[in-house]
Amino acid sequence: MHKVEPFDIAMTETTVSQFLEFLRATGNRHFWNEAEKQFAMHKHCPASRNLGWYDVARFCNWLTDQENERREASGSGANPLRYCYEPLDIGNYGHGVNLVEGADGFRMPTLLEWEYACRAGSHARWSFGDNPDLLPQYARYYDNSSELTWPVGSCMPNAYGLFDMHGNVLEFCHDVYRVEISQNGESVSVPPCLTNERFEVNASSRFAASGGDLYKRSLLTVTRRIELKQPTSKRPGNFGYIGVRIARSAPERTTDDLTADR
């Protein structure tokens, strides 16, 4: 049994519109093109086409910057959030980015967090139970998607109020697998386990993703996770149709916070 520490997670996958706001603010315009428009009906669909793991890391740090600017402007005195992804230098994200353990900024959910959020307390095959006839109410997949992504929140949420956990697109996770060579010379993926303050993501690293996509309903279960080898013909960390749902470690609660919630 693995313990999941308190965390916050977005109700929906990051949309094309939300990601475009980030691209406009940072001067990066490679994302929204004709290929994306053919896959996503409009800008409330999940951002996924031409979206890479390093792009998402940069997006998470930008969200952290936005929150820190808001805190400073409000004069709340709250401590600034720390980046979860340490770039090579300012604005440079690629092989050599470091995962920062214990950072409290915005990030991708871990595999354990993602499964916890997807299950929403369920021990069944899907968050709503084991009846496959109910799946079209909760997920967009091959049978009801026309092989296109759909606007986030088009289907029913799970018991935690989270949408599209079983369909639409796969979602990048924070975990990165380290590849080592075994005694017999084969490549072996070492599951993510951060024991140091920094963990470097490099060309041999393999990324993790969870969730369902637009294909077989047998692949939309709460435990689905895949390991992604580095692409050879695309930008580093880019795998095609994979989106993201933003998360962060939950802030510590104070006595005042608890009183205010009553």
Protein backbone atom coordinates (compact mmCIF):
# COMPACT_ATOMS: atom_id res chain seq x y z
CA MET A 1 0.00 0.00 0.00
CA HIS A 2 1.45 3.35 -1.06
CA LYS A 3 0.63 6.51 0.86
CA VAL A 4 -0.47 9.51 -1.19
CA GLU A 5 0.31 12.85 0.41
CA PRO A 6 -2.32 15.63 0.12
CA PHE A 7 -2.35 17.27 -3.31
CA ASP A 8 -4.48 19.50 -5.50
CA ILE A 9 -5.41 18.51 -9.05
CA ALA A 10 -7.30 20.27 -11.85
CA MET A 11 -10.90 19.29 -12.54
CA THR A 12 -10.16 19.06 -16.28
CA GLU A 13 -7.30 18.51 -18.67
CA THR A 14 -5.48 21.67 -19.75
CA THR A 15 -7.27 23.06 -22.79
CA VAL A 16 -5.93 24.39 -26.05
CA SER A 17 -7.16 27.86 -25.02
CA GLN A 18 -5.28 27.73 -21.71
CA PHE A 19 -2.09 26.55 -23.36
CA LEU A 20 -2.35 29.21 -26.06
CA GLU A 21 -2.47 31.88 -23.34
CA PHE A 22 0.86 30.57 -22.08
CA LEU A 23 2.33 30.50 -25.60
CA ARG A 24 1.28 34.08 -26.31
CA ALA A 25 2.78 35.24 -23.02
CA THR A 26 6.10 33.51 -23.70
CA GLY A 27 6.36 34.21 -27.42
CA ASN A 28 6.20 30.55 -28.44
CA ARG A 29 3.80 29.91 -31.32
CA HIS A 30 4.65 26.42 -32.57
CA PHE A 31 1.66 24.67 -31.03
CA TRP A 32 -1.69 25.54 -32.65
CA ASN A 33 -1.52 24.55 -36.31
CA GLU A 34 -3.69 22.88 -38.95
CA ALA A 35 -2.87 19.39 -37.67
CA GLU A 36 -4.09 20.37 -34.20
CA LYS A 37 -7.30 21.85 -35.61
CA GLN A 38 -8.08 18.60 -37.41
CA PHE A 39 -7.78 16.65 -34.14
CA ALA A 40 -9.46 19.09 -31.72
CA MET A 41 -12.87 20.53 -32.60
CA HIS A 42 -12.18 23.84 -30.86
CA LYS A 43 -10.07 25.48 -28.19
CA HIS A 44 -11.93 23.98 -25.24
CA CYS A 45 -10.60 20.56 -26.21
CA PRO A 46 -7.56 19.25 -24.33
CA ALA A 47 -4.19 20.48 -25.54
CA SER A 48 -2.40 17.38 -26.83
CA ARG A 49 -1.31 17.51 -30.45
CA ASN A 50 2.37 18.56 -30.68
CA LEU A 51 2.55 18.90 -26.88
CA GLY A 52 5.75 17.54 -25.31
CA TRP A 53 6.76 16.68 -21.74
CA TYR A 54 9.28 19.54 -21.69
CA ASP A 55 6.58 21.92 -22.98
CA VAL A 56 4.40 20.90 -20.04
CA ALA A 57 7.28 21.38 -17.58
CA ARG A 58 7.76 24.90 -18.90
CA PHE A 59 4.00 25.55 -18.71
CA CYS A 60 3.93 24.41 -15.08
CA ASN A 61 6.75 26.78 -14.17
CA TRP A 62 4.95 29.62 -15.97
CA LEU A 63 1.84 28.91 -13.88
CA THR A 64 4.06 29.05 -10.80
CA ASP A 65 5.36 32.45 -11.93
CA GLN A 66 1.79 33.71 -12.42
CA GLU A 67 0.80 32.64 -8.92
CA ASN A 68 3.90 34.24 -7.40
CA GLU A 69 3.14 37.52 -9.20
CA ARG A 70 -0.43 37.38 -7.86
CA ARG A 71 0.81 36.81 -4.32
CA GLU A 72 3.27 39.69 -4.54
CA ALA A 73 0.63 42.04 -5.94
CA SER A 74 -1.83 41.11 -3.20
CA GLY A 75 0.68 41.88 -0.45
CA SER A 76 -0.38 38.71 1.36
CA GLY A 77 3.13 37.98 2.56
CA ALA A 78 2.85 34.37 1.39
CA ASN A 79 6.12 32.72 0.50
CA PRO A 80 6.76 32.33 -3.25
CA LEU A 81 6.25 28.89 -4.74
CA ARG A 82 9.30 26.98 -5.96
CA TYR A 83 9.72 25.51 -9.42
CA CYS A 84 9.19 21.77 -9.71
CA TYR A 85 11.22 21.70 -12.93
CA GLU A 86 14.64 23.35 -12.91
CA PRO A 87 15.50 24.48 -16.46
CA LEU A 88 18.95 24.31 -18.01
CA ASP A 89 18.94 28.11 -17.94
CA ILE A 90 16.26 30.78 -18.22
CA GLY A 91 13.59 29.56 -20.63
CA ASN A 92 15.59 26.55 -21.83
CA TYR A 93 13.77 23.24 -21.36
CA GLY A 94 15.15 19.99 -22.77
CA HIS A 95 17.48 17.16 -21.83
CA GLY A 96 19.12 18.12 -18.55
CA VAL A 97 16.04 19.59 -16.83
CA ASN A 98 15.95 18.61 -13.16
CA LEU A 99 12.96 17.39 -11.16
CA VAL A 100 13.05 19.19 -7.82
CA GLU A 101 11.77 17.05 -4.98
CA GLY A 102 9.79 18.87 -2.31
CA ALA A 103 9.04 21.90 -4.50
CA ASP A 104 5.54 23.34 -4.07
CA GLY A 105 4.91 24.90 -7.47
CA PHE A 106 2.60 23.63 -10.19
CA ARG A 107 3.50 20.32 -11.81
CA MET A 108 2.17 17.18 -13.42
CA PRO A 109 0.55 14.66 -11.04
CA THR A 110 2.55 11.61 -10.04
CA LEU A 111 1.34 8.20 -11.17
CA LEU A 112 0.08 7.45 -7.66
CA GLU A 113 -1.74 10.78 -7.42
CA TRP A 114 -3.30 10.29 -10.82
CA GLU A 115 -4.64 6.84 -9.95
CA TYR A 116 -5.94 8.08 -6.59
CA ALA A 117 -7.77 10.94 -8.33
CA CYS A 118 -9.12 8.67 -11.05
CA ARG A 119 -10.42 6.03 -8.64
CA ALA A 120 -12.26 8.61 -6.55
CA GLY A 121 -12.63 6.03 -3.80
CA SER A 122 -13.60 3.19 -6.13
CA HIS A 123 -11.98 -0.25 -6.14
CA ALA A 124 -13.67 -1.25 -9.41
CA ARG A 125 -12.35 -1.30 -12.95
CA TRP A 126 -13.62 2.22 -13.54
CA SER A 127 -14.40 5.02 -11.10
CA PHE A 128 -18.15 4.45 -11.59
CA GLY A 129 -18.01 0.67 -11.15
CA ASP A 130 -17.61 -2.40 -13.37
CA ASN A 131 -20.53 -1.92 -15.76
CA PRO A 132 -19.10 -1.14 -19.25
CA ASP A 133 -22.50 0.10 -20.44
CA LEU A 134 -22.00 3.24 -18.31
CA LEU A 135 -18.65 4.13 -19.88
CA PRO A 136 -20.07 6.42 -22.64
CA GLN A 137 -21.53 8.64 -19.90
CA TYR A 138 -18.07 9.20 -18.38
CA ALA A 139 -15.59 9.03 -21.27
CA ARG A 140 -14.99 10.01 -24.87
CA TYR A 141 -13.36 7.11 -26.68
CA TYR A 142 -13.56 5.23 -29.97
CA ASP A 143 -17.27 4.40 -29.74
CA ASN A 144 -18.52 7.95 -29.15
CA SER A 145 -15.78 10.40 -30.17
CA SER A 146 -15.62 10.21 -33.99
CA GLU A 147 -11.87 9.79 -33.30
CA LEU A 148 -11.61 13.45 -32.25
CA THR A 149 -10.93 14.98 -28.87
CA TRP A 150 -13.94 16.64 -27.29
CA PRO A 151 -14.31 19.74 -25.10
CA VAL A 152 -13.28 19.00 -21.55
CA GLY A 153 -16.17 18.32 -19.21
CA SER A 154 -18.43 16.92 -21.95
CA CYS A 155 -19.08 13.77 -19.94
CA MET A 156 -20.01 13.11 -16.33
CA PRO A 157 -17.36 13.63 -13.64
CA ASN A 158 -16.23 11.00 -11.16
CA ALA A 159 -17.12 11.12 -7.47
CA TYR A 160 -14.34 13.68 -6.84
CA GLY A 161 -15.74 16.03 -9.50
CA LEU A 162 -12.95 15.32 -11.99
CA PHE A 163 -13.79 15.09 -15.69
CA ASP A 164 -12.36 12.93 -18.50
CA MET A 165 -10.23 10.71 -16.28
CA HIS A 166 -11.14 7.71 -18.47
CA GLY A 167 -11.03 9.14 -21.98
CA ASN A 168 -10.24 11.96 -24.41
CA VAL A 169 -6.42 11.89 -24.15
CA LEU A 170 -3.66 10.24 -22.18
CA GLU A 171 -2.11 12.57 -19.59
CA PHE A 172 1.56 13.17 -18.86
CA CYS A 173 2.69 12.40 -15.31
CA HIS A 174 5.49 13.85 -13.20
CA ASP A 175 7.30 10.53 -12.88
CA VAL A 176 10.36 9.88 -15.00
CA TYR A 177 11.90 6.43 -15.34
CA ARG A 178 15.67 6.09 -15.25
CA VAL A 179 17.13 3.60 -17.71
CA GLU A 180 19.99 1.39 -16.55
CA ILE A 181 21.87 -1.47 -18.20
CA SER A 182 21.40 -4.85 -16.53
CA GLN A 183 24.12 -7.45 -16.04
CA ASN A 184 23.11 -9.21 -19.26
CA GLY A 185 23.36 -5.96 -21.22
CA GLU A 186 19.65 -5.23 -21.54
CA SER A 187 18.07 -1.85 -20.86
CA VAL A 188 16.01 -1.85 -17.67
CA SER A 189 13.64 0.90 -16.58
CA VAL A 190 14.01 1.84 -12.93
CA PRO A 191 10.70 3.05 -11.44
CA PRO A 192 10.67 6.65 -10.28
CA CYS A 193 12.02 7.06 -6.77
CA LEU A 194 13.49 10.40 -5.86
CA THR A 195 16.01 10.06 -3.08
CA ASN A 196 18.04 13.19 -3.86
CA GLU A 197 17.01 16.81 -4.07
CA ARG A 198 17.56 16.87 -7.85
CA PHE A 199 16.85 14.24 -10.50
CA GLU A 200 18.07 14.96 -14.02
CA VAL A 201 15.88 14.19 -17.01
CA ASN A 202 18.07 13.22 -19.96
CA ALA A 203 17.97 11.63 -23.40
CA SER A 204 17.70 8.11 -21.97
CA SER A 205 14.87 8.92 -19.55
CA ARG A 206 11.44 7.46 -20.17
CA PHE A 207 8.31 9.41 -19.37
CA ALA A 208 5.08 8.19 -17.78
CA ALA A 209 1.47 8.81 -18.76
CA SER A 210 -1.86 7.64 -17.36
CA GLY A 211 -5.47 7.58 -18.38
CA GLY A 212 -7.54 6.73 -21.40
CA ASP A 213 -7.60 8.00 -24.93
CA LEU A 214 -9.84 7.69 -27.98
CA TYR A 215 -9.38 3.99 -28.53
CA LYS A 216 -10.36 0.66 -26.94
CA ARG A 217 -12.49 0.88 -23.80
CA SER A 218 -10.41 -1.96 -22.30
CA LEU A 219 -7.55 0.59 -22.04
CA LEU A 220 -9.54 3.18 -20.07
CA THR A 221 -9.26 1.61 -16.62
CA VAL A 222 -8.18 3.34 -13.41
CA THR A 223 -4.83 1.53 -13.37
CA ARG A 224 -3.75 2.23 -16.94
CA ARG A 225 -0.26 3.67 -17.20
CA ILE A 226 2.30 3.57 -19.98
CA GLU A 227 6.02 4.12 -20.20
CA LEU A 228 7.15 6.32 -23.07
CA LYS A 229 10.52 5.91 -24.72
CA GLN A 230 12.16 9.03 -26.10
CA PRO A 231 10.98 9.79 -29.66
CA THR A 232 13.62 9.75 -32.36
CA SER A 233 11.97 11.92 -35.01
CA LYS A 234 10.12 14.56 -32.98
CA ARG A 235 11.13 17.30 -30.61
CA PRO A 236 12.58 15.93 -27.33
CA GLY A 237 9.81 14.73 -25.05
CA ASN A 238 7.12 15.00 -27.71
CA PHE A 239 4.96 11.92 -28.31
CA GLY A 240 1.92 13.21 -30.17
CA TYR A 241 -1.54 12.98 -28.67
CA ILE A 242 -0.87 13.27 -24.93
CA GLY A 243 -2.28 16.03 -22.74
CA VAL A 244 -1.91 17.03 -19.11
CA ARG A 245 -3.90 17.75 -15.96
CA ILE A 246 -2.11 20.20 -13.66
CA ALA A 247 -1.45 19.39 -10.00
CA ARG A 248 0.56 20.65 -7.03
CA SER A 249 1.34 19.50 -3.53
CA ALA A 250 -1.35 20.77 -1.18
CA PRO A 251 -0.26 23.73 0.94
CA GLU A 252 -0.04 23.24 4.68
CA ARG A 253 -3.27 24.14 6.46
CA THR A 254 -3.25 26.63 9.32
CA THR A 255 -5.63 26.95 12.26
CA ASP A 256 -7.17 30.01 10.59
CA ASP A 257 -7.74 28.02 7.38
CA LEU A 258 -9.50 25.23 9.26
CA THR A 259 -11.68 27.70 11.15
CA ALA A 260 -12.65 29.45 7.92
CA ASP A 261 -13.80 26.14 6.41
CA ARG A 262 -16.33 25.44 9.18
